[in-house]
N, C-alpha and C. Protein backbone atom coordinates (compact mmCIF):
# COMPACT_ATOMS: atom_id res chain seq x y z
N MET A 1 -5.84 -17.22 -1.27
CA MET A 1 -4.86 -16.19 -1.16
C MET A 1 -4.68 -16.02 0.44
N LYS A 2 -3.34 -15.89 0.69
CA LYS A 2 -2.93 -15.64 2.07
C LYS A 2 -2.09 -14.27 2.18
N ILE A 3 -2.67 -13.48 3.29
CA ILE A 3 -1.91 -12.16 3.48
C ILE A 3 -1.09 -12.58 4.71
N ARG A 4 0.26 -12.13 4.66
CA ARG A 4 1.08 -12.46 5.93
C ARG A 4 2.24 -11.54 5.77
N ARG A 5 2.97 -11.43 6.94
CA ARG A 5 4.02 -10.54 6.92
C ARG A 5 5.08 -10.77 6.09
N MET A 6 5.65 -9.75 5.15
CA MET A 6 6.70 -10.01 4.40
C MET A 6 8.06 -10.40 5.12
N THR A 7 8.86 -11.24 4.40
CA THR A 7 10.09 -11.74 4.96
C THR A 7 11.14 -11.26 3.89
N GLU A 8 12.26 -11.47 4.42
CA GLU A 8 13.42 -11.28 3.45
C GLU A 8 13.30 -12.15 2.32
N ALA A 9 13.12 -13.47 2.54
CA ALA A 9 12.81 -14.26 1.22
C ALA A 9 12.01 -13.76 0.19
N ASP A 10 11.00 -13.03 0.46
CA ASP A 10 10.00 -12.40 -0.34
C ASP A 10 10.77 -11.06 -1.45
N LEU A 11 11.93 -10.77 -0.80
CA LEU A 11 12.22 -9.46 -1.55
C LEU A 11 12.60 -9.54 -2.95
N PRO A 12 13.15 -10.77 -3.61
CA PRO A 12 13.29 -10.84 -5.02
C PRO A 12 11.92 -10.73 -5.81
N ALA A 13 11.00 -11.54 -5.33
CA ALA A 13 9.51 -11.37 -6.06
C ALA A 13 8.97 -9.92 -5.71
N VAL A 14 9.13 -9.33 -4.63
CA VAL A 14 8.51 -8.05 -4.44
C VAL A 14 9.26 -7.01 -5.35
N MET A 15 10.57 -7.18 -5.41
CA MET A 15 11.23 -6.35 -6.27
C MET A 15 10.80 -6.41 -7.83
N ALA A 16 10.62 -7.52 -8.19
CA ALA A 16 10.12 -7.95 -9.57
C ALA A 16 8.85 -7.17 -9.74
N LEU A 17 7.81 -7.32 -8.66
CA LEU A 17 6.42 -6.64 -8.98
C LEU A 17 6.60 -5.21 -8.72
N GLU A 18 7.54 -4.66 -7.98
CA GLU A 18 7.68 -3.23 -7.82
C GLU A 18 8.13 -2.48 -9.22
N GLU A 19 9.09 -3.41 -9.66
CA GLU A 19 9.63 -2.83 -11.10
C GLU A 19 8.52 -2.82 -12.25
N ARG A 20 7.77 -3.81 -12.18
CA ARG A 20 6.63 -3.93 -13.23
C ARG A 20 5.41 -3.02 -12.75
N CYS A 21 5.29 -2.43 -11.61
CA CYS A 21 4.07 -1.81 -11.33
C CYS A 21 4.24 -0.26 -11.25
N PHE A 22 5.77 0.00 -11.12
CA PHE A 22 5.97 1.71 -10.78
C PHE A 22 7.08 1.91 -11.67
N SER A 23 6.81 3.41 -12.39
CA SER A 23 7.81 3.85 -13.22
C SER A 23 9.04 4.31 -12.53
N VAL A 24 8.73 4.50 -11.14
CA VAL A 24 10.10 4.87 -10.31
C VAL A 24 10.07 4.12 -9.00
N PRO A 25 10.52 2.87 -9.17
CA PRO A 25 10.56 1.81 -8.24
C PRO A 25 11.18 2.08 -6.85
N TRP A 26 10.80 1.48 -5.69
CA TRP A 26 11.56 1.51 -4.52
C TRP A 26 12.77 0.69 -4.85
N THR A 27 13.89 0.72 -4.05
CA THR A 27 14.88 -0.11 -4.36
C THR A 27 14.95 -1.22 -3.37
N TYR A 28 15.79 -2.16 -3.67
CA TYR A 28 15.85 -3.38 -2.67
C TYR A 28 16.28 -2.96 -1.21
N GLU A 29 16.85 -2.01 -1.11
CA GLU A 29 17.52 -1.40 0.27
C GLU A 29 16.14 -0.83 0.82
N ASN A 30 15.50 -0.14 0.09
CA ASN A 30 14.15 0.53 0.72
C ASN A 30 13.44 -0.53 1.48
N PHE A 31 13.09 -1.59 0.83
CA PHE A 31 12.34 -2.68 1.55
C PHE A 31 13.03 -3.31 2.63
N HIS A 32 14.38 -3.68 2.37
CA HIS A 32 15.20 -4.43 3.25
C HIS A 32 15.36 -3.65 4.60
N GLU A 33 15.44 -2.42 4.39
CA GLU A 33 15.66 -1.65 5.62
C GLU A 33 14.24 -1.47 6.59
N LEU A 34 13.25 -1.68 5.90
CA LEU A 34 11.93 -1.58 6.72
C LEU A 34 11.35 -2.72 7.28
N ILE A 35 11.86 -4.09 6.98
CA ILE A 35 11.25 -5.25 7.29
C ILE A 35 11.67 -5.32 8.78
N GLY A 36 10.91 -5.59 9.74
CA GLY A 36 11.11 -5.82 11.07
C GLY A 36 11.28 -4.54 11.95
N ARG A 37 10.99 -3.55 11.38
CA ARG A 37 11.31 -2.10 12.15
C ARG A 37 9.95 -1.87 12.51
N THR A 38 9.96 -1.49 13.95
CA THR A 38 8.67 -1.18 14.56
C THR A 38 7.65 -0.37 13.94
N PRO A 39 7.84 0.79 13.39
CA PRO A 39 7.00 1.77 13.03
C PRO A 39 6.30 1.15 11.69
N TYR A 40 6.79 0.03 11.03
CA TYR A 40 6.48 -0.32 9.73
C TYR A 40 5.86 -1.75 9.75
N VAL A 41 4.82 -1.95 8.80
CA VAL A 41 4.36 -3.23 8.72
C VAL A 41 4.34 -3.63 7.03
N LEU A 42 5.08 -4.47 6.72
CA LEU A 42 5.10 -4.82 5.28
C LEU A 42 4.53 -6.21 5.00
N LEU A 43 3.36 -6.21 4.27
CA LEU A 43 2.55 -7.49 3.91
C LEU A 43 2.73 -8.04 2.63
N ALA A 44 2.64 -9.37 2.52
CA ALA A 44 2.87 -10.03 1.12
C ALA A 44 1.46 -10.92 0.96
N ALA A 45 0.94 -10.80 -0.28
CA ALA A 45 -0.12 -11.52 -0.68
C ALA A 45 0.36 -12.65 -1.49
N GLU A 46 0.24 -13.84 -0.99
CA GLU A 46 0.72 -15.00 -1.54
C GLU A 46 -0.43 -15.93 -2.03
N GLU A 47 -0.01 -16.46 -3.20
CA GLU A 47 -1.11 -17.57 -3.71
C GLU A 47 -0.36 -18.55 -4.44
N ALA A 48 -0.44 -19.81 -4.13
CA ALA A 48 0.19 -20.89 -4.76
C ALA A 48 1.72 -20.90 -4.66
N GLY A 49 2.17 -20.28 -3.39
CA GLY A 49 3.61 -19.95 -3.21
C GLY A 49 4.25 -18.84 -3.89
N THR A 50 3.52 -18.09 -4.62
CA THR A 50 3.97 -16.92 -5.09
C THR A 50 3.52 -15.54 -4.62
N VAL A 51 4.28 -14.58 -4.66
CA VAL A 51 3.86 -13.20 -4.29
C VAL A 51 3.18 -12.63 -5.38
N GLN A 52 2.00 -12.35 -5.09
CA GLN A 52 1.22 -11.66 -6.15
C GLN A 52 0.81 -10.14 -5.76
N GLY A 53 1.32 -9.67 -4.55
CA GLY A 53 0.99 -8.37 -4.12
C GLY A 53 1.60 -8.10 -2.83
N TYR A 54 1.88 -6.65 -2.47
CA TYR A 54 2.22 -6.28 -1.18
C TYR A 54 1.70 -4.99 -0.91
N ALA A 55 1.87 -4.53 0.51
CA ALA A 55 1.63 -3.47 1.04
C ALA A 55 2.53 -2.95 2.08
N VAL A 56 2.80 -1.75 2.28
CA VAL A 56 3.62 -1.20 3.17
C VAL A 56 2.98 0.00 4.11
N LEU A 57 2.83 -0.26 5.44
CA LEU A 57 2.33 0.61 6.20
C LEU A 57 3.23 1.10 7.30
N MET A 58 3.20 2.44 7.41
CA MET A 58 4.13 3.19 8.30
C MET A 58 3.19 3.67 9.44
N GLN A 59 3.51 3.85 10.62
CA GLN A 59 2.81 4.45 11.73
C GLN A 59 3.76 5.34 12.44
N VAL A 60 3.36 6.52 12.70
CA VAL A 60 3.98 7.56 13.44
C VAL A 60 2.95 8.19 14.51
N PHE A 61 3.16 7.69 15.71
CA PHE A 61 2.14 7.90 16.87
C PHE A 61 0.78 7.61 16.47
N GLU A 62 -0.02 8.31 16.27
CA GLU A 62 -1.54 7.80 16.23
C GLU A 62 -1.86 7.84 14.60
N ASP A 63 -0.97 8.35 13.83
CA ASP A 63 -1.10 8.47 12.18
C ASP A 63 -0.50 7.39 11.65
N GLY A 64 -1.13 6.81 10.59
CA GLY A 64 -0.75 5.75 9.69
C GLY A 64 -0.54 6.35 8.09
N ASP A 65 0.39 5.72 7.39
CA ASP A 65 0.62 6.04 6.02
C ASP A 65 0.65 4.85 5.39
N LEU A 66 -0.12 4.56 4.55
CA LEU A 66 -0.11 3.52 3.34
C LEU A 66 0.91 3.84 2.35
N MET A 67 2.19 3.59 2.64
CA MET A 67 3.22 4.01 1.68
C MET A 67 3.26 3.33 0.25
N ASN A 68 2.62 2.16 0.29
CA ASN A 68 2.94 1.30 -0.93
C ASN A 68 2.01 0.22 -1.02
N ILE A 69 1.48 0.01 -2.15
CA ILE A 69 0.63 -1.22 -2.27
C ILE A 69 0.65 -1.52 -3.96
N ALA A 70 0.82 -2.55 -4.22
CA ALA A 70 0.91 -3.13 -5.57
C ALA A 70 0.30 -4.58 -5.61
N VAL A 71 -0.23 -4.81 -6.92
CA VAL A 71 -0.54 -6.27 -7.21
C VAL A 71 -0.19 -6.58 -8.61
N SER A 72 0.24 -7.67 -8.72
CA SER A 72 0.75 -8.18 -10.04
C SER A 72 -0.22 -7.77 -11.11
N PRO A 73 0.19 -7.20 -12.31
CA PRO A 73 -0.73 -6.91 -13.41
C PRO A 73 -1.62 -8.00 -13.81
N GLU A 74 -1.16 -9.27 -13.99
CA GLU A 74 -2.02 -10.23 -14.34
C GLU A 74 -2.99 -10.87 -13.26
N CYS A 75 -2.95 -10.36 -12.05
CA CYS A 75 -3.82 -10.69 -10.99
C CYS A 75 -4.78 -9.72 -10.57
N ARG A 76 -4.69 -8.51 -11.07
CA ARG A 76 -5.49 -7.58 -10.81
C ARG A 76 -6.91 -7.82 -10.97
N ARG A 77 -7.86 -7.24 -10.40
CA ARG A 77 -9.34 -7.50 -10.70
C ARG A 77 -9.81 -8.84 -10.07
N ARG A 78 -9.10 -9.38 -8.92
CA ARG A 78 -9.30 -10.53 -8.34
C ARG A 78 -9.59 -10.36 -6.96
N GLY A 79 -9.65 -9.30 -6.48
CA GLY A 79 -9.71 -8.96 -5.11
C GLY A 79 -8.36 -8.96 -4.11
N ILE A 80 -7.25 -9.04 -4.72
CA ILE A 80 -6.03 -9.06 -3.91
C ILE A 80 -5.70 -7.78 -3.35
N GLY A 81 -5.98 -6.72 -4.15
CA GLY A 81 -5.69 -5.41 -3.48
C GLY A 81 -6.74 -5.03 -2.41
N GLN A 82 -7.94 -5.62 -2.67
CA GLN A 82 -8.90 -5.41 -1.61
C GLN A 82 -8.63 -6.06 -0.20
N GLU A 83 -7.97 -7.13 -0.33
CA GLU A 83 -7.53 -8.15 0.86
C GLU A 83 -6.41 -7.37 1.31
N LEU A 84 -5.34 -7.04 0.53
CA LEU A 84 -4.29 -6.30 1.17
C LEU A 84 -4.54 -5.03 1.95
N LEU A 85 -5.56 -4.22 1.28
CA LEU A 85 -6.10 -2.89 2.04
C LEU A 85 -6.93 -3.29 3.36
N ALA A 86 -7.63 -4.25 3.19
CA ALA A 86 -8.42 -4.53 4.40
C ALA A 86 -7.54 -5.09 5.50
N GLU A 87 -6.43 -5.75 5.26
CA GLU A 87 -5.64 -6.10 6.30
C GLU A 87 -4.84 -4.83 6.89
N VAL A 88 -4.46 -4.06 5.92
CA VAL A 88 -3.69 -2.69 6.32
C VAL A 88 -4.68 -1.93 7.35
N ILE A 89 -5.92 -1.88 7.07
CA ILE A 89 -6.88 -1.10 7.80
C ILE A 89 -7.04 -1.89 9.12
N ARG A 90 -7.27 -3.32 9.21
CA ARG A 90 -7.16 -4.00 10.26
C ARG A 90 -6.28 -3.76 11.33
N ILE A 91 -4.98 -3.83 10.79
CA ILE A 91 -3.57 -3.69 11.52
C ILE A 91 -3.54 -2.17 12.12
N ALA A 92 -3.98 -1.44 11.24
CA ALA A 92 -4.02 0.16 11.79
C ALA A 92 -5.00 0.31 12.85
N GLY A 93 -6.18 -0.50 12.80
CA GLY A 93 -7.01 -0.36 14.04
C GLY A 93 -6.49 -1.04 15.14
N GLU A 94 -5.81 -2.21 15.08
CA GLU A 94 -5.25 -2.82 16.13
C GLU A 94 -4.12 -1.89 16.78
N ARG A 95 -3.48 -1.20 15.92
CA ARG A 95 -2.32 -0.19 16.34
C ARG A 95 -2.82 1.05 16.94
N LYS A 96 -4.27 1.25 17.04
CA LYS A 96 -4.88 2.69 17.24
C LYS A 96 -4.56 3.79 16.56
N VAL A 97 -4.25 3.58 15.29
CA VAL A 97 -4.33 4.61 14.14
C VAL A 97 -5.52 5.31 14.15
N THR A 98 -5.56 6.62 14.43
CA THR A 98 -6.64 7.41 14.19
C THR A 98 -6.90 8.17 12.74
N GLN A 99 -5.86 8.13 12.12
CA GLN A 99 -5.92 8.62 10.61
C GLN A 99 -4.85 7.92 9.80
N LEU A 100 -5.48 7.08 8.75
CA LEU A 100 -4.60 6.26 7.95
C LEU A 100 -4.55 7.35 6.48
N PHE A 101 -3.41 7.69 6.10
CA PHE A 101 -3.13 8.42 4.94
C PHE A 101 -2.67 7.81 3.67
N LEU A 102 -2.81 8.20 2.50
CA LEU A 102 -2.17 7.70 1.43
C LEU A 102 -2.08 8.65 0.41
N GLU A 103 -1.16 8.58 -0.63
CA GLU A 103 -1.07 9.45 -1.87
C GLU A 103 -1.38 8.55 -3.12
N VAL A 104 -2.04 8.78 -4.00
CA VAL A 104 -2.29 8.10 -5.27
C VAL A 104 -2.17 8.99 -6.51
N ARG A 105 -1.69 8.43 -7.48
CA ARG A 105 -1.70 9.43 -8.85
C ARG A 105 -3.15 9.81 -9.17
N GLU A 106 -3.27 11.11 -9.62
CA GLU A 106 -4.50 11.59 -9.88
C GLU A 106 -5.35 10.85 -11.08
N HIS A 107 -4.50 10.23 -12.00
CA HIS A 107 -5.18 9.38 -12.97
C HIS A 107 -5.22 7.82 -12.74
N ASN A 108 -4.88 7.46 -11.52
CA ASN A 108 -5.01 6.09 -11.03
C ASN A 108 -6.54 5.71 -10.77
N THR A 109 -7.43 5.66 -11.75
CA THR A 109 -8.89 5.64 -11.25
C THR A 109 -9.07 4.36 -10.52
N PRO A 110 -8.58 3.09 -11.10
CA PRO A 110 -9.02 1.87 -10.29
C PRO A 110 -8.56 1.97 -8.79
N ALA A 111 -7.36 2.57 -8.60
CA ALA A 111 -6.98 2.67 -7.08
C ALA A 111 -7.85 3.72 -6.34
N ILE A 112 -8.03 4.80 -6.87
CA ILE A 112 -9.00 5.64 -6.19
C ILE A 112 -10.24 5.00 -6.09
N HIS A 113 -10.96 4.23 -6.89
CA HIS A 113 -12.27 3.64 -6.50
C HIS A 113 -12.18 2.63 -5.38
N LEU A 114 -10.97 2.07 -5.42
CA LEU A 114 -10.76 1.08 -4.19
C LEU A 114 -10.63 1.72 -2.89
N TYR A 115 -9.95 2.66 -2.92
CA TYR A 115 -9.86 3.63 -1.55
C TYR A 115 -11.01 4.18 -1.11
N GLU A 116 -11.79 4.92 -2.06
CA GLU A 116 -12.91 5.48 -1.70
C GLU A 116 -14.00 4.43 -1.20
N LYS A 117 -13.99 3.19 -2.03
CA LYS A 117 -15.04 2.21 -1.64
C LYS A 117 -14.68 1.60 0.08
N ASN A 118 -13.42 1.81 0.34
CA ASN A 118 -12.98 1.42 1.66
C ASN A 118 -12.99 2.55 2.65
N GLY A 119 -13.75 3.55 2.44
CA GLY A 119 -13.87 4.77 3.51
C GLY A 119 -12.79 5.86 3.17
N PHE A 120 -11.89 5.84 2.17
CA PHE A 120 -10.91 6.97 2.29
C PHE A 120 -11.47 8.22 1.63
N VAL A 121 -11.13 9.43 2.15
CA VAL A 121 -11.76 10.58 1.65
C VAL A 121 -10.80 11.53 1.07
N PHE A 122 -10.95 12.09 0.06
CA PHE A 122 -10.11 13.11 -0.52
C PHE A 122 -9.93 14.32 0.19
N VAL A 123 -8.63 14.60 0.58
CA VAL A 123 -8.41 15.80 1.43
C VAL A 123 -7.39 16.81 0.98
N GLY A 124 -6.79 16.49 -0.15
CA GLY A 124 -5.74 17.44 -0.84
C GLY A 124 -5.01 16.93 -2.06
N ARG A 125 -4.10 17.75 -2.28
CA ARG A 125 -3.36 17.39 -3.69
C ARG A 125 -2.06 17.90 -3.42
N ARG A 126 -0.83 17.34 -3.96
CA ARG A 126 0.49 17.66 -3.91
C ARG A 126 0.70 17.74 -5.44
N LYS A 127 1.08 18.91 -5.80
CA LYS A 127 1.41 19.30 -7.17
C LYS A 127 2.60 18.58 -7.55
N ASP A 128 2.54 18.07 -8.93
CA ASP A 128 3.84 17.46 -9.49
C ASP A 128 4.46 16.34 -8.60
N TYR A 129 3.81 15.71 -7.81
CA TYR A 129 4.57 14.82 -6.63
C TYR A 129 5.21 13.57 -7.39
N TYR A 130 4.59 13.06 -8.62
CA TYR A 130 5.12 11.84 -9.16
C TYR A 130 5.85 12.33 -10.24
N GLU A 131 6.80 11.40 -10.43
CA GLU A 131 7.48 11.68 -11.82
C GLU A 131 7.35 10.44 -12.69
N ALA A 132 7.86 10.54 -14.05
CA ALA A 132 7.70 9.47 -14.88
C ALA A 132 6.57 8.68 -15.14
N PRO A 133 5.38 9.28 -15.48
CA PRO A 133 5.23 10.81 -15.75
C PRO A 133 5.11 11.80 -14.81
N ARG A 134 5.29 13.15 -15.01
CA ARG A 134 4.86 14.02 -13.87
C ARG A 134 3.34 14.20 -13.72
N GLU A 135 3.19 13.86 -12.33
CA GLU A 135 1.56 13.94 -12.15
C GLU A 135 1.14 14.17 -10.81
N ASP A 136 0.26 15.00 -10.48
CA ASP A 136 -0.18 15.30 -9.02
C ASP A 136 -0.56 14.05 -8.17
N ALA A 137 -0.33 14.15 -6.86
CA ALA A 137 -0.99 13.18 -6.11
C ALA A 137 -2.02 13.69 -5.35
N LEU A 138 -2.95 12.79 -5.29
CA LEU A 138 -4.28 12.98 -4.53
C LEU A 138 -3.91 12.37 -3.04
N ILE A 139 -4.34 13.25 -2.14
CA ILE A 139 -4.14 12.82 -0.66
C ILE A 139 -5.36 12.30 -0.21
N TYR A 140 -5.47 11.09 0.40
CA TYR A 140 -6.75 10.66 0.94
C TYR A 140 -6.55 10.47 2.53
N VAL A 141 -7.58 10.41 3.16
CA VAL A 141 -7.48 9.71 4.61
C VAL A 141 -8.71 9.11 5.00
N ARG A 142 -8.47 8.07 5.99
CA ARG A 142 -9.38 7.19 6.46
C ARG A 142 -9.38 7.38 7.97
N THR A 143 -10.62 7.75 8.60
CA THR A 143 -10.78 7.74 9.91
C THR A 143 -11.59 6.68 10.44
N PRO A 144 -11.34 6.02 11.64
CA PRO A 144 -12.18 5.04 12.10
C PRO A 144 -13.50 5.44 12.26
N LYS A 145 -14.57 4.63 11.70
CA LYS A 145 -15.97 4.79 11.90
C LYS A 145 -16.30 4.81 13.45
N GLU A 146 -17.23 5.82 13.76
CA GLU A 146 -17.75 5.71 15.02
C GLU A 146 -18.68 4.68 15.42
N GLU A 147 -18.43 3.64 16.24
CA GLU A 147 -19.34 2.56 16.61
C GLU A 147 -20.46 2.83 17.37
């Protein structure tokens, strides 16, 4: 498994994953507009020449936001999400991010376990944040550990 920066050439595979993984997927234009822009880091998880997952990090000053992370359904539970998240955390540290936020569907138990295992702490709820189906978002934050 290789985690690398996403390129324009990855977008067809990323869009296919996006549409399989989310009921309200981002558009091609959403991804296209973010590639190469300074406050964003788009990562692709590639195995055997195929994109199996991706993540999108946005930074505003010292705050980071894990905007999107997905793994191909048939490749889940193989550590790809963990590798993507670890790289997001590493890059956030390099960029001196002091708080890394994310939202997750309240019933997405596997994702919640992954985030909590990696030091994210529940800090709030956004009522009816998600559509199709309508569901609350749980807000998590991770702050760097004191060394």
